[in-house]
């Protein structure tokens, strides 16, 4: 097992190197820079050019990349030109919000998907199965940002059941019970919206696993030996069908990372996704490269986690 994990980690290293190169080059190809646009028009353009030269923005891209990677390896992502503070401090303020939003969303995904998938698979080709399958098809066909806007309009503005922006009610003391409950209350609607629209893959995969397992030879053998239907289902069908779902844990993380960019901006939730869009709009490239790199590393790590879990469940895929 450890050999497989080590090889998988070694494969991840060139992926991360390629990812960092792509992020840096694409950021440099974006129009303008942090000194373009929102600056005092009375400043002499020659002074701005001197500042660009001083910052090394006209150096060859590989030299800039080498400096950037060297700083990143030391935990230094540079300073934000718009927020006037280190990028690590800005990300530290936002990453906690994104973590809790993703965690609550992930829990809701499994709380919703597993019962529906089990019901759909156990009672396949019935009305219950058709209703659940119809729900998953709607989830597959509906764009996340459209569904989130509808949820925000209905439960935020129309009914007023949830706050429409922010991560906590202003004026509360951090660490108090009221503060914690306010944080949870603010992330609940975004988490529910993202969970409802991203459960379709888990539901359908679990349903198909149960349907396929019910037709396996060892299930027919268990029934022929006189095992009760309840025992056959709980001890054989359900157990074997649920195990592969664990392998999707890492890919669920990757899906939530992409979805959080839309969700956080639609709901005005101050997380990493909102920070990424803000930094792109403001041409704050230090923040853009740092947040994009973090998202990319999280996606690669999610794939690694899924591969390791799958190798534990099914030893046949391990690399000898």
Protein backbone atom coordinates (compact mmCIF):
# COMPACT_ATOMS: atom_id res chain seq x y z
CA UNK A 1 0.00 0.00 0.00
CA UNK A 2 2.75 2.45 0.91
CA UNK A 3 4.48 1.80 -2.43
CA UNK A 4 1.34 2.77 -4.31
CA UNK A 5 0.92 5.92 -2.21
CA UNK A 6 4.57 6.90 -2.72
CA UNK A 7 4.34 6.42 -6.48
CA UNK A 8 1.13 8.39 -6.63
CA UNK A 9 2.74 11.26 -4.67
CA UNK A 10 5.77 11.24 -6.99
CA UNK A 11 3.44 11.45 -9.99
CA UNK A 12 1.80 14.46 -8.34
CA UNK A 13 5.06 16.45 -8.24
CA UNK A 14 5.34 17.13 -12.02
CA UNK A 15 1.61 17.87 -12.05
CA UNK A 16 2.14 20.61 -9.47
CA UNK A 17 5.13 22.00 -11.36
CA UNK A 18 3.16 22.16 -14.60
CA UNK A 19 0.24 23.70 -12.74
CA UNK A 20 2.41 26.45 -11.27
CA UNK A 21 3.91 27.27 -14.68
CA UNK A 22 0.49 27.49 -16.33
CA UNK A 23 -0.89 29.69 -13.55
CA UNK A 24 2.06 32.07 -13.67
CA UNK A 25 2.16 32.34 -17.47
CA UNK A 26 -1.60 32.82 -17.81
CA UNK A 27 -1.56 35.49 -15.11
CA UNK A 28 1.18 37.34 -16.98
CA UNK A 29 -0.82 37.12 -20.21
CA UNK A 30 -3.76 38.93 -18.65
CA UNK A 31 -4.18 42.50 -19.94
CA UNK A 32 -2.80 45.32 -17.82
CA UNK A 33 -1.18 44.97 -14.42
CA UNK A 34 -1.67 46.11 -10.84
CA UNK A 35 -0.48 49.63 -11.72
CA UNK A 36 -2.96 49.97 -14.58
CA UNK A 37 -6.43 51.46 -14.34
CA UNK A 38 -7.33 52.41 -10.78
CA UNK A 39 -4.51 54.81 -10.02
CA UNK A 40 -4.24 58.57 -9.81
CA UNK A 41 -4.28 59.88 -13.42
CA UNK A 42 -2.12 62.83 -12.32
CA UNK A 43 0.85 60.56 -11.64
CA UNK A 44 3.58 60.89 -14.23
CA UNK A 45 3.59 57.78 -16.49
CA UNK A 46 7.39 57.76 -16.29
CA UNK A 47 7.17 57.21 -12.54
CA UNK A 48 4.85 54.28 -13.09
CA UNK A 49 7.27 52.78 -15.62
CA UNK A 50 10.13 53.16 -13.15
CA UNK A 51 8.06 51.29 -10.58
CA UNK A 52 7.38 48.47 -13.05
CA UNK A 53 11.11 48.19 -13.77
CA UNK A 54 11.89 48.22 -10.05
CA UNK A 55 9.43 45.39 -9.45
CA UNK A 56 11.04 43.34 -12.22
CA UNK A 57 7.92 43.09 -14.35
CA UNK A 58 9.95 43.50 -17.56
CA UNK A 59 12.37 40.70 -16.71
CA UNK A 60 12.16 37.46 -18.73
CA UNK A 61 9.21 35.36 -17.60
CA UNK A 62 11.37 32.46 -16.45
CA UNK A 63 13.33 34.75 -14.13
CA UNK A 64 10.09 36.11 -12.69
CA UNK A 65 8.77 32.58 -12.34
CA UNK A 66 11.91 31.43 -10.52
CA UNK A 67 11.62 34.31 -8.06
CA UNK A 68 7.92 33.63 -7.53
CA UNK A 69 8.40 29.89 -6.93
CA UNK A 70 11.29 30.57 -4.57
CA UNK A 71 9.14 32.89 -2.50
CA UNK A 72 6.18 30.49 -2.57
CA UNK A 73 8.39 27.66 -1.27
CA UNK A 74 9.14 29.91 1.71
CA UNK A 75 5.44 30.66 2.27
CA UNK A 76 5.70 34.16 0.80
CA UNK A 77 3.07 34.89 -1.87
CA UNK A 78 3.97 38.56 -2.03
CA UNK A 79 1.90 41.60 -1.12
CA UNK A 80 -1.48 42.63 -2.45
CA UNK A 81 -1.36 45.86 -4.43
CA UNK A 82 -5.02 46.64 -3.73
CA UNK A 83 -5.41 45.52 -0.13
CA UNK A 84 -1.95 46.77 0.90
CA UNK A 85 -1.15 43.71 3.01
CA UNK A 86 0.55 40.31 2.61
CA UNK A 87 -1.39 37.83 0.49
CA UNK A 88 -1.09 35.17 3.18
CA UNK A 89 -2.98 37.38 5.64
CA UNK A 90 -5.78 38.01 3.13
CA UNK A 91 -6.06 34.30 2.33
CA UNK A 92 -5.98 33.43 6.01
CA UNK A 93 -9.07 35.56 6.58
CA UNK A 94 -10.98 33.94 3.70
CA UNK A 95 -9.82 30.32 3.73
CA UNK A 96 -11.52 29.60 7.07
CA UNK A 97 -14.89 30.67 5.64
CA UNK A 98 -14.39 28.54 2.52
CA UNK A 99 -13.35 25.55 4.63
CA UNK A 100 -16.51 25.59 6.75
CA UNK A 101 -18.71 26.20 3.72
CA UNK A 102 -17.15 23.23 1.90
CA UNK A 103 -17.35 21.00 4.98
CA UNK A 104 -21.05 21.71 5.62
CA UNK A 105 -21.79 21.29 1.89
CA UNK A 106 -19.95 17.96 1.76
CA UNK A 107 -21.89 16.66 4.76
CA UNK A 108 -25.18 17.75 3.19
CA UNK A 109 -24.25 16.09 -0.11
CA UNK A 110 -23.85 12.70 1.54
CA UNK A 111 -26.84 13.19 3.85
CA UNK A 112 -29.02 13.82 0.78
CA UNK A 113 -27.41 11.53 -1.79
CA UNK A 114 -26.92 8.30 0.18
CA UNK A 115 -30.57 7.80 1.30
CA UNK A 116 -31.88 8.77 -2.14
CA UNK A 117 -29.36 6.55 -3.92
CA UNK A 118 -30.15 3.59 -1.67
CA UNK A 119 -33.89 4.03 -2.13
CA UNK A 120 -33.56 4.42 -5.89
CA UNK A 121 -31.36 1.34 -6.22
CA UNK A 122 -33.35 -0.88 -3.90
CA UNK A 123 -36.68 -0.04 -5.52
CA UNK A 124 -35.45 0.39 -9.08
CA UNK A 125 -38.03 0.70 -11.86
CA UNK A 126 -40.69 1.88 -9.41
CA UNK A 127 -42.32 5.27 -8.94
CA UNK A 128 -39.86 6.15 -6.17
CA UNK A 129 -36.94 5.34 -8.45
CA UNK A 130 -38.41 7.43 -11.27
CA UNK A 131 -38.94 10.44 -8.98
CA UNK A 132 -35.40 10.29 -7.59
CA UNK A 133 -33.93 9.75 -11.06
CA UNK A 134 -35.93 12.71 -12.32
CA UNK A 135 -34.53 14.86 -9.51
CA UNK A 136 -30.97 13.83 -10.38
CA UNK A 137 -31.56 14.59 -14.07
CA UNK A 138 -32.86 18.04 -13.18
CA UNK A 139 -29.78 18.59 -11.03
CA UNK A 140 -27.54 17.52 -13.89
CA UNK A 141 -29.24 19.85 -16.37
CA UNK A 142 -29.58 22.94 -14.15
CA UNK A 143 -26.60 25.34 -14.08
CA UNK A 144 -25.33 25.95 -10.57
CA UNK A 145 -25.40 29.74 -10.81
CA UNK A 146 -29.02 29.76 -12.05
CA UNK A 147 -30.16 27.51 -9.21
CA UNK A 148 -28.22 29.58 -6.67
CA UNK A 149 -29.81 32.81 -7.90
CA UNK A 150 -33.27 31.27 -7.58
CA UNK A 151 -32.51 30.05 -4.05
CA UNK A 152 -31.16 33.47 -3.07
CA UNK A 153 -34.20 35.26 -4.48
CA UNK A 154 -36.73 32.88 -2.94
CA UNK A 155 -35.32 32.15 0.52
CA UNK A 156 -33.20 35.27 0.94
CA UNK A 157 -35.14 38.18 -0.54
CA UNK A 158 -38.70 36.88 -0.97
CA UNK A 159 -39.20 34.86 2.23
CA UNK A 160 -36.39 36.42 4.25
CA UNK A 161 -35.47 33.15 5.93
CA UNK A 162 -31.71 33.54 5.40
CA UNK A 163 -29.24 36.45 5.16
CA UNK A 164 -28.38 37.51 1.62
CA UNK A 165 -24.69 38.35 2.10
CA UNK A 166 -21.78 38.24 4.52
CA UNK A 167 -20.50 35.49 6.80
CA UNK A 168 -21.56 36.80 10.23
CA UNK A 169 -23.79 39.46 11.76
CA UNK A 170 -21.72 42.62 12.47
CA UNK A 171 -21.08 43.52 16.10
CA UNK A 172 -20.94 39.99 17.55
CA UNK A 173 -18.00 38.99 19.73
CA UNK A 174 -15.84 36.25 18.15
CA UNK A 175 -15.89 32.99 20.07
CA UNK A 176 -19.32 33.46 21.61
CA UNK A 177 -22.22 31.09 20.98
CA UNK A 178 -24.12 33.84 19.13
CA UNK A 179 -21.12 34.40 16.87
CA UNK A 180 -20.80 30.68 16.00
CA UNK A 181 -24.52 30.33 15.32
CA UNK A 182 -24.47 33.45 13.13
CA UNK A 183 -21.58 32.01 11.09
CA UNK A 184 -23.50 28.77 10.61
CA UNK A 185 -26.71 30.63 9.74
CA UNK A 186 -24.94 32.67 7.05
CA UNK A 187 -23.35 29.65 5.34
CA UNK A 188 -26.43 27.41 5.52
CA UNK A 189 -28.26 28.70 2.42
CA UNK A 190 -25.13 28.66 0.19
CA UNK A 191 -24.30 25.16 1.43
CA UNK A 192 -27.82 23.84 0.84
CA UNK A 193 -27.91 25.39 -2.64
CA UNK A 194 -24.62 23.83 -3.69
CA UNK A 195 -25.44 20.46 -2.09
CA UNK A 196 -28.84 20.11 -3.75
CA UNK A 197 -27.44 20.72 -7.21
CA UNK A 198 -24.29 18.55 -6.88
CA UNK A 199 -25.80 15.34 -5.48
CA UNK A 200 -26.89 13.87 -8.81
CA UNK A 201 -23.62 12.08 -9.58
CA UNK A 202 -23.46 10.37 -6.18
CA UNK A 203 -27.14 9.38 -6.34
CA UNK A 204 -26.84 7.85 -9.78
CA UNK A 205 -23.56 6.08 -9.03
CA UNK A 206 -24.91 4.55 -5.83
CA UNK A 207 -28.14 3.52 -7.55
CA UNK A 208 -26.29 1.81 -10.39
CA UNK A 209 -23.95 0.06 -7.96
CA UNK A 210 -26.88 -1.36 -5.99
CA UNK A 211 -28.71 -2.47 -9.13
CA UNK A 212 -25.60 -4.18 -10.50
CA UNK A 213 -24.76 -5.82 -7.16
CA UNK A 214 -28.28 -7.25 -6.84
CA UNK A 215 -27.66 -9.20 -10.05
CA UNK A 216 -24.25 -10.59 -8.99
CA UNK A 217 -23.66 -14.33 -8.64
CA UNK A 218 -22.80 -14.18 -4.94
CA UNK A 219 -26.16 -12.49 -4.23
CA UNK A 220 -27.98 -15.28 -6.08
CA UNK A 221 -25.96 -17.81 -4.09
CA UNK A 222 -26.86 -16.13 -0.78
CA UNK A 223 -30.54 -16.23 -1.68
CA UNK A 224 -30.27 -19.88 -2.75
CA UNK A 225 -28.82 -20.74 0.66
CA UNK A 226 -31.96 -19.42 2.29
CA UNK A 227 -30.68 -16.07 3.61
CA UNK A 228 -33.45 -13.60 4.36
CA UNK A 229 -33.94 -10.71 1.97
CA UNK A 230 -33.10 -8.23 4.72
CA UNK A 231 -29.83 -10.01 5.50
CA UNK A 232 -28.92 -10.26 1.81
CA UNK A 233 -29.54 -6.57 1.33
CA UNK A 234 -27.85 -5.24 4.48
CA UNK A 235 -24.89 -7.63 4.70
CA UNK A 236 -24.08 -8.04 1.02
CA UNK A 237 -25.72 -5.59 -1.38
CA UNK A 238 -25.55 -2.39 0.65
CA UNK A 239 -22.09 -2.98 2.09
CA UNK A 240 -20.52 -3.71 -1.31
CA UNK A 241 -22.31 -0.80 -2.97
CA UNK A 242 -21.37 1.84 -0.39
CA UNK A 243 -17.63 1.14 -0.40
CA UNK A 244 -16.91 2.67 -3.84
CA UNK A 245 -18.71 5.87 -2.77
CA UNK A 246 -15.81 6.56 -0.42
CA UNK A 247 -13.52 6.78 -3.43
CA UNK A 248 -15.52 9.77 -4.68
CA UNK A 249 -14.65 11.77 -1.57
CA UNK A 250 -11.66 13.44 -3.20
CA UNK A 251 -13.55 14.21 -6.40
CA UNK A 252 -16.36 15.73 -4.34
CA UNK A 253 -13.78 18.14 -2.93
CA UNK A 254 -12.74 19.11 -6.45
CA UNK A 255 -16.36 19.70 -7.45
CA UNK A 256 -16.98 21.87 -4.39
CA UNK A 257 -13.91 23.98 -5.18
CA UNK A 258 -15.28 24.84 -8.61
CA UNK A 259 -18.78 25.42 -7.32
CA UNK A 260 -17.66 27.64 -4.45
CA UNK A 261 -16.42 30.28 -6.90
CA UNK A 262 -19.97 30.81 -8.19
CA UNK A 263 -21.71 30.30 -4.85
CA UNK A 264 -19.56 32.71 -2.87
CA UNK A 265 -19.95 35.48 -5.41
CA UNK A 266 -23.71 35.01 -5.79
CA UNK A 267 -24.34 34.94 -2.04
CA UNK A 268 -21.75 37.60 -1.22
CA UNK A 269 -19.96 35.10 1.02
CA UNK A 270 -16.38 36.25 1.81
CA UNK A 271 -14.42 33.14 0.93
CA UNK A 272 -11.61 32.16 -1.43
CA UNK A 273 -13.88 32.02 -4.47
CA UNK A 274 -15.05 35.59 -3.99
CA UNK A 275 -11.46 36.68 -3.33
CA UNK A 276 -10.36 35.14 -6.64
CA UNK A 277 -12.96 37.02 -8.68
CA UNK A 278 -12.26 40.29 -6.84
CA UNK A 279 -8.51 39.99 -7.42
CA UNK A 280 -9.02 39.27 -11.15
CA UNK A 281 -11.25 42.34 -11.48
CA UNK A 282 -8.72 44.52 -9.65
CA UNK A 283 -5.75 43.03 -11.56
CA UNK A 284 -4.20 42.06 -8.23
CA UNK A 285 -1.99 39.35 -9.73
CA UNK A 286 -0.27 38.36 -6.50
CA UNK A 287 -3.64 37.34 -5.07
CA UNK A 288 -4.77 35.79 -8.38
CA UNK A 289 -1.77 33.48 -8.64
CA UNK A 290 -1.90 32.53 -4.96
CA UNK A 291 -5.62 31.69 -4.88
CA UNK A 292 -5.54 29.87 -8.22
CA UNK A 293 -2.52 27.84 -7.10
CA UNK A 294 -4.31 26.93 -3.87
CA UNK A 295 -7.40 25.79 -5.78
CA UNK A 296 -5.24 23.75 -8.14
CA UNK A 297 -3.28 22.08 -5.35
CA UNK A 298 -6.55 21.24 -3.55
CA UNK A 299 -7.89 19.63 -6.75
CA UNK A 300 -4.75 17.55 -7.24
CA UNK A 301 -4.83 16.50 -3.58
CA UNK A 302 -8.49 15.52 -3.98
CA UNK A 303 -7.59 13.20 -6.84
CA UNK A 304 -4.76 11.75 -4.75
CA UNK A 305 -7.09 11.07 -1.82
CA UNK A 306 -9.59 9.37 -4.12
CA UNK A 307 -6.93 7.12 -5.63
CA UNK A 308 -5.61 6.09 -2.22
CA UNK A 309 -9.10 5.36 -0.87
CA UNK A 310 -9.98 3.38 -4.00
CA UNK A 311 -6.78 1.34 -3.68
CA UNK A 312 -7.74 0.48 -0.11
CA UNK A 313 -11.20 -0.64 -1.22
CA UNK A 314 -10.07 -2.51 -4.33
CA UNK A 315 -6.47 -3.82 -4.02
CA UNK A 316 -6.53 -4.91 -7.69
CA UNK A 317 -5.79 -1.37 -8.87
CA UNK A 318 -2.61 -0.99 -6.81
CA UNK A 319 0.59 -0.58 -8.78
CA UNK A 320 2.89 -3.52 -8.11
